[in-house]
Amino acid sequence: QVQLVESGGGLVQAGGSQRLSCAASGGTFSSYNMGWFRQAPGKEREFVAAIRWTGSRTYYADSVKGRFTISRDNAKNTVYLQMNSLKPEDTAVYYCAADRLRLGAPLTSAGYDTWGQGTQVTVSS
C-alpha cells in the first residue's frame, strides 16, 4: 500500500522561501505522476503543481507560476515543492498526491488516487 508523507511546512514571513517534501513508500514511486494541491480555510482544494513520472514535464497554477518549482528525486522516492516569494495568500494546508495509474489529468484532484495527510504552511504579512 502506497503512503505519502509531507514535511517542511511551518511559519514563514511574506517574501520568504520554504521547501516541502513528500516521501513515498510502499509502491513504485518512479512510475507515478505526482502533484501538489492546497486548501485554505473555507476554500476548496486547489491545484498547485504537478510533475510527470519521467520528470519531463511540469504544470503550475497561474497563481504560483514563476514562484514555485516542483521537482522529484526518484532515487529518494521524494517529490519537492520549492516555494519562493511567498505571499499571505499562499497560506494553506499543502497536500501531495500520486497518480499511480497515470490517468493523465494532472490539474484536477480527480486525477490522483493517493493522498498525503497534508502539511500546514502559514505566511505572515
Protein backbone atom coordinates (compact mmCIF):
# COMPACT_ATOMS: atom_id res chain seq x y z
CA GLN A 1 0.00 0.00 0.00
CA VAL A 2 1.39 3.37 -1.03
CA GLN A 3 1.86 6.00 1.65
CA LEU A 4 2.73 9.66 1.15
CA VAL A 5 4.15 11.77 3.96
CA GLU A 6 4.60 15.51 3.58
CA SER A 7 7.06 17.58 5.58
CA GLY A 8 8.61 21.03 5.58
CA GLY A 9 5.61 23.15 6.43
CA GLY A 10 5.61 25.88 9.06
CA LEU A 11 5.51 29.61 9.57
CA VAL A 12 7.37 31.91 7.18
CA GLN A 13 7.32 35.65 6.55
CA ALA A 14 6.00 37.10 3.34
CA GLY A 15 8.72 37.18 0.71
CA GLY A 16 10.44 34.19 2.23
CA SER A 17 11.02 30.68 0.93
CA GLN A 18 10.13 27.20 2.01
CA ARG A 19 10.61 23.72 0.60
CA LEU A 20 8.07 21.00 1.04
CA SER A 21 8.94 17.33 0.68
CA CYS A 22 6.72 14.36 0.08
CA ALA A 23 8.20 10.93 0.71
CA ALA A 24 6.53 7.90 -0.81
CA SER A 25 6.74 4.35 0.46
CA GLY A 26 5.21 1.02 -0.39
CA GLY A 27 4.99 1.42 -4.15
CA THR A 28 6.85 2.18 -7.35
CA PHE A 29 7.31 5.92 -6.97
CA SER A 30 9.26 6.31 -10.20
CA SER A 31 6.22 5.30 -12.23
CA TYR A 32 3.78 7.77 -10.64
CA ASN A 33 2.77 11.18 -11.81
CA MET A 34 2.86 13.44 -8.74
CA GLY A 35 1.07 16.60 -7.77
CA TRP A 36 0.75 19.22 -5.06
CA PHE A 37 -2.56 20.73 -4.02
CA ARG A 38 -3.52 23.14 -1.27
CA GLN A 39 -6.57 24.04 0.72
CA ALA A 40 -7.05 27.30 2.57
CA PRO A 41 -9.64 27.69 5.34
CA GLY A 42 -13.13 27.98 3.90
CA LYS A 43 -11.94 27.27 0.38
CA GLU A 44 -11.89 24.27 -1.90
CA ARG A 45 -8.76 22.27 -2.53
CA GLU A 46 -6.89 23.70 -5.49
CA PHE A 47 -4.17 22.53 -7.82
CA VAL A 48 -0.69 23.94 -7.27
CA ALA A 49 1.82 21.96 -9.34
CA ALA A 50 2.40 18.59 -10.95
CA ILE A 51 5.21 16.61 -12.50
CA ARG A 52 5.09 13.66 -14.81
CA TRP A 53 6.61 10.33 -13.79
CA THR A 54 9.53 10.90 -16.16
CA GLY A 55 10.14 14.39 -14.80
CA SER A 56 9.96 15.61 -18.38
CA ARG A 57 7.00 17.91 -17.92
CA THR A 58 5.72 20.12 -15.14
CA TYR A 59 2.49 22.03 -14.64
CA TYR A 60 1.73 25.03 -12.47
CA ALA A 61 -1.27 27.01 -11.36
CA ASP A 62 -1.16 30.58 -12.64
CA SER A 63 -1.10 31.85 -9.07
CA VAL A 64 2.26 30.18 -8.36
CA LYS A 65 3.93 30.21 -11.76
CA GLY A 66 7.38 31.76 -11.55
CA ARG A 67 7.49 31.43 -7.76
CA PHE A 68 7.10 27.69 -7.10
CA THR A 69 9.09 24.81 -8.56
CA ILE A 70 8.15 21.15 -8.43
CA SER A 71 10.85 18.51 -8.76
CA ARG A 72 11.38 14.86 -7.96
CA ASP A 73 14.16 12.53 -6.94
CA ASN A 74 13.17 9.01 -7.89
CA ALA A 75 16.20 7.57 -6.11
CA LYS A 76 14.82 9.01 -2.86
CA ASN A 77 11.15 8.37 -3.67
CA THR A 78 10.51 12.03 -2.96
CA VAL A 79 8.80 14.93 -4.67
CA TYR A 80 9.56 18.51 -3.68
CA LEU A 81 7.85 21.86 -3.88
CA GLN A 82 10.21 24.80 -3.65
CA MET A 83 8.22 27.91 -2.78
CA ASN A 84 9.80 31.35 -3.18
CA SER A 85 8.44 34.87 -2.80
CA LEU A 86 5.71 33.57 -0.56
CA LYS A 87 2.58 35.64 -0.04
CA PRO A 88 -0.01 35.55 2.75
CA GLU A 89 -2.49 34.14 0.24
CA ASP A 90 -0.27 31.06 -0.08
CA THR A 91 -1.30 30.11 3.45
CA ALA A 92 -2.95 26.70 3.30
CA VAL A 93 -2.59 23.03 4.05
CA TYR A 94 -0.48 21.56 1.28
CA TYR A 95 -1.09 18.01 0.10
CA CYS A 96 0.92 15.82 -2.20
CA ALA A 97 -0.85 13.28 -4.35
CA ALA A 98 0.08 10.35 -6.55
CA ASP A 99 -1.45 9.34 -9.85
CA ARG A 100 -0.38 5.71 -9.84
CA LEU A 101 -2.39 4.76 -12.91
CA ARG A 102 -1.09 7.71 -14.94
CA LEU A 103 -4.61 8.88 -15.68
CA GLY A 104 -3.24 11.97 -17.34
CA ALA A 105 -5.35 14.59 -15.57
CA PRO A 106 -2.68 16.40 -13.60
CA LEU A 107 -4.59 19.61 -12.90
CA THR A 108 -7.56 18.08 -11.12
CA SER A 109 -7.81 16.24 -7.83
CA ALA A 110 -9.79 13.52 -9.59
CA GLY A 111 -6.62 12.62 -11.45
CA TYR A 112 -4.98 11.29 -8.28
CA ASP A 113 -5.71 8.20 -6.26
CA THR A 114 -3.43 8.52 -3.26
CA TRP A 115 -3.04 11.49 -0.92
CA GLY A 116 -0.81 12.50 1.93
CA GLN A 117 -2.07 13.86 5.22
CA GLY A 118 -1.05 17.43 4.46
CA THR A 119 1.34 19.96 5.95
CA GLN A 120 0.41 23.47 7.09
CA VAL A 121 2.12 26.44 5.51
CA THR A 122 1.45 29.82 7.10
CA VAL A 123 2.78 33.01 5.54
CA SER A 124 2.70 36.05 7.79
CA SER A 125 2.47 39.56 6.41
